[in-house]
């Protein structure tokens, strides 16, 4: 596909950057945060873990100031489920809620639109020990958790993502299931339960967050063959049909 003239970006286009909680926050065991499955990973020598990471938990004001200097119009970040609900459900950790409240306020002050991912690879360890996404009770826990976020932050956050790269969690399960690679049947059950949880959270968002926009964050890639011959070969190999440039 060739463009003779590129369209200009609209004035309200959201130039953004993205992070996930466990990869930047650090403070993995501070202020009442519970453990997540990501805290079980032990990297090889010479590779850092997530215990300190970028220390965003303590440096978020400095980080947001750098985002403003960079000219970001939006910042997509995830909320650590186990920082808000150390057991994955039940009692709220107010210290954890307070951190995200301050982060959102700082972004708003700098005219940066907050875009919140509800769940990004860091299932609370307490839920994992009860079966994780194989257990249908995790659906209810996710809805409970989502409701807390919508009620606390929905006045300032209008853009929401339910589950980050669900397909990656199924295609590369060893990263999300420490100590065990699930069977194919278990993976299908996990995927189904995540679909149901995401759908329920989406309905809830529209009920609670005025003018809220919400959806999943799949990992997909647009593929443009170099020429027609490559396209035909790819069709023969995959048996798939191209639609608007996507497989």
C-alpha atoms as a PDB file:
ATOM      1  CA  UNK A   1       0.000   0.000   0.000  1.00  0.00           C
ATOM      2  CA  UNK A   2       1.474   3.333  -1.070  1.00  0.00           C
ATOM      3  CA  UNK A   3       0.443   6.837   0.016  1.00  0.00           C
ATOM      4  CA  UNK A   4       1.084   9.749  -2.318  1.00  0.00           C
ATOM      5  CA  UNK A   5       0.154  12.192   0.408  1.00  0.00           C
ATOM      6  CA  UNK A   6       0.172  11.513   4.138  1.00  0.00           C
ATOM      7  CA  UNK A   7      -2.710  12.685   6.244  1.00  0.00           C
ATOM      8  CA  UNK A   8      -1.881  15.187   8.945  1.00  0.00           C
ATOM      9  CA  UNK A   9      -2.322  14.129  12.530  1.00  0.00           C
ATOM     10  CA  UNK A  10      -5.423  15.693  14.108  1.00  0.00           C
ATOM     11  CA  UNK A  11      -4.904  18.345  16.755  1.00  0.00           C
ATOM     12  CA  UNK A  12      -6.387  16.122  19.472  1.00  0.00           C
ATOM     13  CA  UNK A  13      -4.162  13.112  18.629  1.00  0.00           C
ATOM     14  CA  UNK A  14      -2.798  11.637  21.863  1.00  0.00           C
ATOM     15  CA  UNK A  15       0.989  11.324  21.584  1.00  0.00           C
ATOM     16  CA  UNK A  16       1.742   8.891  24.365  1.00  0.00           C
ATOM     17  CA  UNK A  17       4.151   6.548  26.108  1.00  0.00           C
ATOM     18  CA  UNK A  18       3.307   3.325  27.904  1.00  0.00           C
ATOM     19  CA  UNK A  19       4.547   1.353  30.908  1.00  0.00           C
ATOM     20  CA  UNK A  20       3.365  -1.475  33.131  1.00  0.00           C
ATOM     21  CA  UNK A  21       3.311  -1.308  36.910  1.00  0.00           C
ATOM     22  CA  UNK A  22       5.664  -4.183  37.728  1.00  0.00           C
ATOM     23  CA  UNK A  23       8.234  -3.044  35.147  1.00  0.00           C
ATOM     24  CA  UNK A  24       8.632   0.524  36.430  1.00  0.00           C
ATOM     25  CA  UNK A  25       7.234   1.021  39.921  1.00  0.00           C
ATOM     26  CA  UNK A  26       9.560  -0.977  42.142  1.00  0.00           C
ATOM     27  CA  UNK A  27       8.553  -0.829  45.838  1.00  0.00           C
ATOM     28  CA  UNK A  28       7.365  -4.396  45.432  1.00  0.00           C
ATOM     29  CA  UNK A  29       6.768  -4.925  49.163  1.00  0.00           C
ATOM     30  CA  UNK A  30       6.140  -1.393  50.439  1.00  0.00           C
ATOM     31  CA  UNK A  31       3.077   0.278  51.941  1.00  0.00           C
ATOM     32  CA  UNK A  32       0.997  -2.867  52.164  1.00  0.00           C
ATOM     33  CA  UNK A  33       1.424  -4.135  48.606  1.00  0.00           C
ATOM     34  CA  UNK A  34       0.855  -7.856  48.169  1.00  0.00           C
ATOM     35  CA  UNK A  35       3.026 -10.063  45.981  1.00  0.00           C
ATOM     36  CA  UNK A  36       2.171 -10.800  42.361  1.00  0.00           C
ATOM     37  CA  UNK A  37       3.273 -13.646  40.120  1.00  0.00           C
ATOM     38  CA  UNK A  38       5.930 -11.339  38.659  1.00  0.00           C
ATOM     39  CA  UNK A  39       7.635 -11.208  42.052  1.00  0.00           C
ATOM     40  CA  UNK A  40       8.376 -14.937  41.754  1.00  0.00           C
ATOM     41  CA  UNK A  41      10.626 -14.560  38.736  1.00  0.00           C
ATOM     42  CA  UNK A  42      14.337 -14.894  39.462  1.00  0.00           C
ATOM     43  CA  UNK A  43      16.380 -13.580  36.526  1.00  0.00           C
ATOM     44  CA  UNK A  44      19.784 -14.936  35.655  1.00  0.00           C
ATOM     45  CA  UNK A  45      22.940 -13.233  36.906  1.00  0.00           C
ATOM     46  CA  UNK A  46      23.507  -9.792  35.475  1.00  0.00           C
ATOM     47  CA  UNK A  47      19.822  -9.140  34.783  1.00  0.00           C
ATOM     48  CA  UNK A  48      17.837  -7.022  37.192  1.00  0.00           C
ATOM     49  CA  UNK A  49      14.537  -8.056  38.755  1.00  0.00           C
ATOM     50  CA  UNK A  50      11.461  -5.907  39.369  1.00  0.00           C
ATOM     51  CA  UNK A  51      12.017  -5.127  43.033  1.00  0.00           C
ATOM     52  CA  UNK A  52      13.331  -1.601  42.352  1.00  0.00           C
ATOM     53  CA  UNK A  53      12.903  -1.284  38.569  1.00  0.00           C
ATOM     54  CA  UNK A  54      12.751   2.437  37.622  1.00  0.00           C
ATOM     55  CA  UNK A  55      11.663   3.393  41.150  1.00  0.00           C
ATOM     56  CA  UNK A  56       8.606   5.097  39.667  1.00  0.00           C
ATOM     57  CA  UNK A  57       6.764   4.602  42.955  1.00  0.00           C
ATOM     58  CA  UNK A  58       9.059   7.115  44.640  1.00  0.00           C
ATOM     59  CA  UNK A  59       9.949   9.249  41.602  1.00  0.00           C
ATOM     60  CA  UNK A  60       6.614   9.626  39.834  1.00  0.00           C
ATOM     61  CA  UNK A  61       6.557  13.438  40.124  1.00  0.00           C
ATOM     62  CA  UNK A  62      10.002  13.648  38.553  1.00  0.00           C
ATOM     63  CA  UNK A  63       8.924  11.171  35.862  1.00  0.00           C
ATOM     64  CA  UNK A  64       5.748  13.086  35.028  1.00  0.00           C
ATOM     65  CA  UNK A  65       7.753  16.320  34.772  1.00  0.00           C
ATOM     66  CA  UNK A  66       9.990  14.592  32.216  1.00  0.00           C
ATOM     67  CA  UNK A  67       6.906  13.416  30.304  1.00  0.00           C
ATOM     68  CA  UNK A  68       5.620  16.988  30.163  1.00  0.00           C
ATOM     69  CA  UNK A  69       9.031  18.218  28.974  1.00  0.00           C
ATOM     70  CA  UNK A  70       8.973  15.524  26.294  1.00  0.00           C
ATOM     71  CA  UNK A  71       5.612  16.789  25.101  1.00  0.00           C
ATOM     72  CA  UNK A  72       3.482  13.750  25.855  1.00  0.00           C
ATOM     73  CA  UNK A  73      -0.256  14.288  25.575  1.00  0.00           C
ATOM     74  CA  UNK A  74      -1.127  11.008  27.281  1.00  0.00           C
ATOM     75  CA  UNK A  75       0.468   8.395  29.507  1.00  0.00           C
ATOM     76  CA  UNK A  76      -0.705   4.809  29.494  1.00  0.00           C
ATOM     77  CA  UNK A  77       0.182   3.017  32.716  1.00  0.00           C
ATOM     78  CA  UNK A  78      -1.122  -0.045  34.490  1.00  0.00           C
ATOM     79  CA  UNK A  79      -2.310  -0.335  38.053  1.00  0.00           C
ATOM     80  CA  UNK A  80      -0.850  -3.073  40.206  1.00  0.00           C
ATOM     81  CA  UNK A  81      -3.786  -5.245  41.262  1.00  0.00           C
ATOM     82  CA  UNK A  82      -1.922  -6.487  44.338  1.00  0.00           C
ATOM     83  CA  UNK A  83      -1.001  -2.938  45.386  1.00  0.00           C
ATOM     84  CA  UNK A  84      -4.686  -2.056  45.540  1.00  0.00           C
ATOM     85  CA  UNK A  85      -5.927  -5.434  46.789  1.00  0.00           C
ATOM     86  CA  UNK A  86      -3.044  -7.347  48.413  1.00  0.00           C
ATOM     87  CA  UNK A  87      -5.098 -10.559  48.477  1.00  0.00           C
ATOM     88  CA  UNK A  88      -6.597  -9.943  45.047  1.00  0.00           C
ATOM     89  CA  UNK A  89      -9.973  -9.223  46.614  1.00  0.00           C
ATOM     90  CA  UNK A  90     -11.444  -8.070  49.920  1.00  0.00           C
ATOM     91  CA  UNK A  91      -9.801  -5.315  51.931  1.00  0.00           C
ATOM     92  CA  UNK A  92      -8.488  -2.312  50.006  1.00  0.00           C
ATOM     93  CA  UNK A  93      -4.957  -1.090  50.606  1.00  0.00           C
ATOM     94  CA  UNK A  94      -5.542   2.664  50.914  1.00  0.00           C
ATOM     95  CA  UNK A  95      -1.824   3.419  50.617  1.00  0.00           C
ATOM     96  CA  UNK A  96      -1.827   1.753  47.220  1.00  0.00           C
ATOM     97  CA  UNK A  97      -4.908   3.662  46.078  1.00  0.00           C
ATOM     98  CA  UNK A  98      -3.290   6.879  47.279  1.00  0.00           C
ATOM     99  CA  UNK A  99      -0.246   6.373  45.047  1.00  0.00           C
ATOM    100  CA  UNK A 100      -2.354   6.139  41.894  1.00  0.00           C
ATOM    101  CA  UNK A 101      -4.531   9.008  43.028  1.00  0.00           C
ATOM    102  CA  UNK A 102      -1.449  11.212  43.332  1.00  0.00           C
ATOM    103  CA  UNK A 103      -0.079   9.996  39.985  1.00  0.00           C
ATOM    104  CA  UNK A 104      -3.328  10.792  38.181  1.00  0.00           C
ATOM    105  CA  UNK A 105      -3.502  14.221  39.800  1.00  0.00           C
ATOM    106  CA  UNK A 106       0.076  14.950  38.759  1.00  0.00           C
ATOM    107  CA  UNK A 107      -0.661  13.933  35.174  1.00  0.00           C
ATOM    108  CA  UNK A 108      -3.791  16.069  35.096  1.00  0.00           C
ATOM    109  CA  UNK A 109      -1.861  19.039  36.457  1.00  0.00           C
ATOM    110  CA  UNK A 110       0.624  18.657  33.595  1.00  0.00           C
ATOM    111  CA  UNK A 111      -2.181  18.342  31.015  1.00  0.00           C
ATOM    112  CA  UNK A 112      -1.312  14.707  30.299  1.00  0.00           C
ATOM    113  CA  UNK A 113      -4.284  12.396  29.696  1.00  0.00           C
ATOM    114  CA  UNK A 114      -4.150   9.315  31.963  1.00  0.00           C
ATOM    115  CA  UNK A 115      -4.845   6.032  30.140  1.00  0.00           C
ATOM    116  CA  UNK A 116      -5.214   3.185  32.620  1.00  0.00           C
ATOM    117  CA  UNK A 117      -4.603  -0.510  32.008  1.00  0.00           C
ATOM    118  CA  UNK A 118      -6.439  -2.471  34.679  1.00  0.00           C
ATOM    119  CA  UNK A 119      -4.413  -5.682  34.396  1.00  0.00           C
ATOM    120  CA  UNK A 120      -0.958  -6.100  32.831  1.00  0.00           C
ATOM    121  CA  UNK A 121       0.565  -9.538  33.496  1.00  0.00           C
ATOM    122  CA  UNK A 122       0.803  -9.189  37.302  1.00  0.00           C
ATOM    123  CA  UNK A 123      -1.881 -11.415  38.798  1.00  0.00           C
ATOM    124  CA  UNK A 124      -1.903 -11.233  42.615  1.00  0.00           C
ATOM    125  CA  UNK A 125      -0.081 -14.226  44.029  1.00  0.00           C
ATOM    126  CA  UNK A 126      -2.961 -14.914  46.404  1.00  0.00           C
ATOM    127  CA  UNK A 127      -5.313 -15.420  43.433  1.00  0.00           C
ATOM    128  CA  UNK A 128      -2.733 -17.491  41.575  1.00  0.00           C
ATOM    129  CA  UNK A 129      -2.471 -19.809  44.561  1.00  0.00           C
ATOM    130  CA  UNK A 130      -6.247 -20.293  44.373  1.00  0.00           C
ATOM    131  CA  UNK A 131      -6.099 -21.357  40.736  1.00  0.00           C
ATOM    132  CA  UNK A 132      -5.509 -18.028  39.004  1.00  0.00           C
ATOM    133  CA  UNK A 133      -7.331 -17.550  35.702  1.00  0.00           C
ATOM    134  CA  UNK A 134      -8.256 -21.241  35.676  1.00  0.00           C
ATOM    135  CA  UNK A 135     -10.572 -20.475  38.587  1.00  0.00           C
ATOM    136  CA  UNK A 136     -13.826 -18.752  37.611  1.00  0.00           C
ATOM    137  CA  UNK A 137     -13.768 -16.934  40.950  1.00  0.00           C
ATOM    138  CA  UNK A 138     -10.967 -14.792  39.494  1.00  0.00           C
ATOM    139  CA  UNK A 139     -13.594 -13.291  37.164  1.00  0.00           C
ATOM    140  CA  UNK A 140     -15.528 -11.960  40.157  1.00  0.00           C
ATOM    141  CA  UNK A 141     -12.315 -10.713  41.773  1.00  0.00           C
ATOM    142  CA  UNK A 142     -11.396  -8.835  38.585  1.00  0.00           C
ATOM    143  CA  UNK A 143     -14.824  -7.214  38.410  1.00  0.00           C
ATOM    144  CA  UNK A 144     -14.588  -6.209  42.079  1.00  0.00           C
ATOM    145  CA  UNK A 145     -11.143  -4.731  41.481  1.00  0.00           C
ATOM    146  CA  UNK A 146     -12.282  -2.896  38.339  1.00  0.00           C
ATOM    147  CA  UNK A 147     -15.259  -1.411  40.174  1.00  0.00           C
ATOM    148  CA  UNK A 148     -12.935   0.043  42.807  1.00  0.00           C
ATOM    149  CA  UNK A 149     -10.831   1.726  40.118  1.00  0.00           C
ATOM    150  CA  UNK A 150     -13.835   3.100  38.229  1.00  0.00           C
ATOM    151  CA  UNK A 151     -15.320   4.550  41.400  1.00  0.00           C
ATOM    152  CA  UNK A 152     -12.058   6.039  42.669  1.00  0.00           C
ATOM    153  CA  UNK A 153     -10.624   7.403  39.433  1.00  0.00           C
ATOM    154  CA  UNK A 154     -13.502   7.594  36.960  1.00  0.00           C
ATOM    155  CA  UNK A 155     -13.935  11.325  37.557  1.00  0.00           C
ATOM    156  CA  UNK A 156     -10.485  11.956  36.028  1.00  0.00           C
ATOM    157  CA  UNK A 157      -9.716   8.853  33.943  1.00  0.00           C
ATOM    158  CA  UNK A 158     -11.830   8.461  30.795  1.00  0.00           C
ATOM    159  CA  UNK A 159      -9.640   6.003  28.854  1.00  0.00           C
ATOM    160  CA  UNK A 160      -9.394   2.427  30.141  1.00  0.00           C
ATOM    161  CA  UNK A 161      -7.887  -0.862  28.957  1.00  0.00           C
ATOM    162  CA  UNK A 162      -9.115  -4.070  30.574  1.00  0.00           C
ATOM    163  CA  UNK A 163      -6.476  -6.757  29.974  1.00  0.00           C
ATOM    164  CA  UNK A 164      -3.113  -6.271  28.309  1.00  0.00           C
ATOM    165  CA  UNK A 165      -2.142  -8.713  25.545  1.00  0.00           C
ATOM    166  CA  UNK A 166      -4.360 -11.597  26.577  1.00  0.00           C
ATOM    167  CA  UNK A 167      -3.194 -13.515  23.515  1.00  0.00           C
ATOM    168  CA  UNK A 168       0.424 -13.282  24.708  1.00  0.00           C
ATOM    169  CA  UNK A 169      -0.520 -14.796  28.058  1.00  0.00           C
ATOM    170  CA  UNK A 170      -1.961 -17.766  26.180  1.00  0.00           C
ATOM    171  CA  UNK A 171       0.751 -18.057  23.503  1.00  0.00           C
ATOM    172  CA  UNK A 172       3.625 -17.668  25.983  1.00  0.00           C
ATOM    173  CA  UNK A 173       2.171 -19.138  29.187  1.00  0.00           C
ATOM    174  CA  UNK A 174       5.497 -19.883  30.902  1.00  0.00           C
ATOM    175  CA  UNK A 175       5.894 -16.150  31.632  1.00  0.00           C
ATOM    176  CA  UNK A 176       2.524 -15.934  33.394  1.00  0.00           C
ATOM    177  CA  UNK A 177       2.410 -19.280  35.184  1.00  0.00           C
ATOM    178  CA  UNK A 178       5.530 -19.515  37.361  1.00  0.00           C
ATOM    179  CA  UNK A 179       6.699 -23.020  38.059  1.00  0.00           C
ATOM    180  CA  UNK A 180       4.184 -24.685  35.743  1.00  0.00           C
ATOM    181  CA  UNK A 181       3.202 -24.615  32.083  1.00  0.00           C
ATOM    182  CA  UNK A 182      -0.571 -25.191  31.857  1.00  0.00           C
ATOM    183  CA  UNK A 183      -2.121 -27.789  29.593  1.00  0.00           C
ATOM    184  CA  UNK A 184      -3.859 -26.642  26.417  1.00  0.00           C
ATOM    185  CA  UNK A 185      -7.227 -27.263  28.088  1.00  0.00           C
ATOM    186  CA  UNK A 186      -6.210 -25.081  31.036  1.00  0.00           C
ATOM    187  CA  UNK A 187      -5.025 -22.333  28.699  1.00  0.00           C
ATOM    188  CA  UNK A 188      -8.355 -22.306  26.865  1.00  0.00           C
ATOM    189  CA  UNK A 189     -10.119 -22.060  30.215  1.00  0.00           C
ATOM    190  CA  UNK A 190      -7.886 -19.169  31.246  1.00  0.00           C
ATOM    191  CA  UNK A 191      -8.566 -17.388  27.972  1.00  0.00           C
ATOM    192  CA  UNK A 192     -12.327 -17.875  28.303  1.00  0.00           C
ATOM    193  CA  UNK A 193     -12.342 -16.564  31.865  1.00  0.00           C
ATOM    194  CA  UNK A 194     -10.355 -13.492  30.831  1.00  0.00           C
ATOM    195  CA  UNK A 195     -12.834 -12.788  28.018  1.00  0.00           C
ATOM    196  CA  UNK A 196     -15.730 -12.964  30.482  1.00  0.00           C
ATOM    197  CA  UNK A 197     -13.922 -10.785  33.042  1.00  0.00           C
ATOM    198  CA  UNK A 198     -13.055  -8.192  30.389  1.00  0.00           C
ATOM    199  CA  UNK A 199     -16.643  -8.087  29.106  1.00  0.00           C
ATOM    200  CA  UNK A 200     -18.086  -7.641  32.585  1.00  0.00           C
ATOM    201  CA  UNK A 201     -15.616  -4.867  33.406  1.00  0.00           C
ATOM    202  CA  UNK A 202     -16.466  -3.123  30.130  1.00  0.00           C
ATOM    203  CA  UNK A 203     -20.178  -3.100  30.963  1.00  0.00           C
ATOM    204  CA  UNK A 204     -19.400  -1.856  34.466  1.00  0.00           C
ATOM    205  CA  UNK A 205     -17.221   0.963  33.151  1.00  0.00           C
ATOM    206  CA  UNK A 206     -20.044   2.319  30.999  1.00  0.00           C
ATOM    207  CA  UNK A 207     -22.344   2.193  34.014  1.00  0.00           C
ATOM    208  CA  UNK A 208     -19.983   4.029  36.375  1.00  0.00           C
ATOM    209  CA  UNK A 209     -17.627   6.236  34.333  1.00  0.00           C
ATOM    210  CA  UNK A 210     -19.366   9.094  32.579  1.00  0.00           C
ATOM    211  CA  UNK A 211     -18.122   9.342  28.964  1.00  0.00           C
ATOM    212  CA  UNK A 212     -15.708   6.506  29.656  1.00  0.00           C
ATOM    213  CA  UNK A 213     -14.024   4.652  26.788  1.00  0.00           C
ATOM    214  CA  UNK A 214     -12.773   1.122  27.344  1.00  0.00           C
ATOM    215  CA  UNK A 215     -11.450  -1.899  25.479  1.00  0.00           C
ATOM    216  CA  UNK A 216      -8.794  -4.651  25.558  1.00  0.00           C
ATOM    217  CA  UNK A 217      -5.162  -4.257  24.479  1.00  0.00           C
ATOM    218  CA  UNK A 218      -4.355  -7.146  22.096  1.00  0.00           C
ATOM    219  CA  UNK A 219      -0.909  -7.785  20.691  1.00  0.00           C
ATOM    220  CA  UNK A 220      -1.359  -7.627  16.934  1.00  0.00           C
ATOM    221  CA  UNK A 221       0.852  -6.682  13.998  1.00  0.00           C
ATOM    222  CA  UNK A 222       0.015  -5.376  10.548  1.00  0.00           C
ATOM    223  CA  UNK A 223       1.939  -7.260   7.854  1.00  0.00           C
ATOM    224  CA  UNK A 224       2.614  -5.787   4.425  1.00  0.00           C
ATOM    225  CA  UNK A 225       4.209  -8.278   1.986  1.00  0.00           C
ATOM    226  CA  UNK A 226       7.141  -6.946  -0.031  1.00  0.00           C
ATOM    227  CA  UNK A 227       5.446  -7.930  -3.283  1.00  0.00           C
ATOM    228  CA  UNK A 228       2.576  -9.961  -4.725  1.00  0.00           C
ATOM    229  CA  UNK A 229       4.657 -13.152  -4.992  1.00  0.00           C
ATOM    230  CA  UNK A 230       5.493 -13.039  -1.282  1.00  0.00           C
ATOM    231  CA  UNK A 231       1.844 -12.437  -0.520  1.00  0.00           C
ATOM    232  CA  UNK A 232       0.781 -15.489  -2.531  1.00  0.00           C
ATOM    233  CA  UNK A 233       3.442 -17.646  -0.868  1.00  0.00           C
ATOM    234  CA  UNK A 234       2.329 -16.500   2.540  1.00  0.00           C
ATOM    235  CA  UNK A 235      -1.267 -17.333   1.680  1.00  0.00           C
ATOM    236  CA  UNK A 236      -0.235 -20.828   0.581  1.00  0.00           C
ATOM    237  CA  UNK A 237       1.791 -21.403   3.726  1.00  0.00           C
ATOM    238  CA  UNK A 238      -0.730 -20.088   6.225  1.00  0.00           C
ATOM    239  CA  UNK A 239      -3.965 -20.875   4.435  1.00  0.00           C
ATOM    240  CA  UNK A 240      -5.228 -17.521   5.645  1.00  0.00           C
ATOM    241  CA  UNK A 241      -6.891 -14.681   3.787  1.00  0.00           C
ATOM    242  CA  UNK A 242      -5.721 -11.103   3.847  1.00  0.00           C
ATOM    243  CA  UNK A 243      -8.292  -8.515   4.853  1.00  0.00           C
ATOM    244  CA  UNK A 244      -7.276  -4.868   4.542  1.00  0.00           C
ATOM    245  CA  UNK A 245      -3.612  -5.790   4.984  1.00  0.00           C
ATOM    246  CA  UNK A 246      -4.060  -7.854   8.150  1.00  0.00           C
ATOM    247  CA  UNK A 247      -3.808 -11.590   8.531  1.00  0.00           C
END
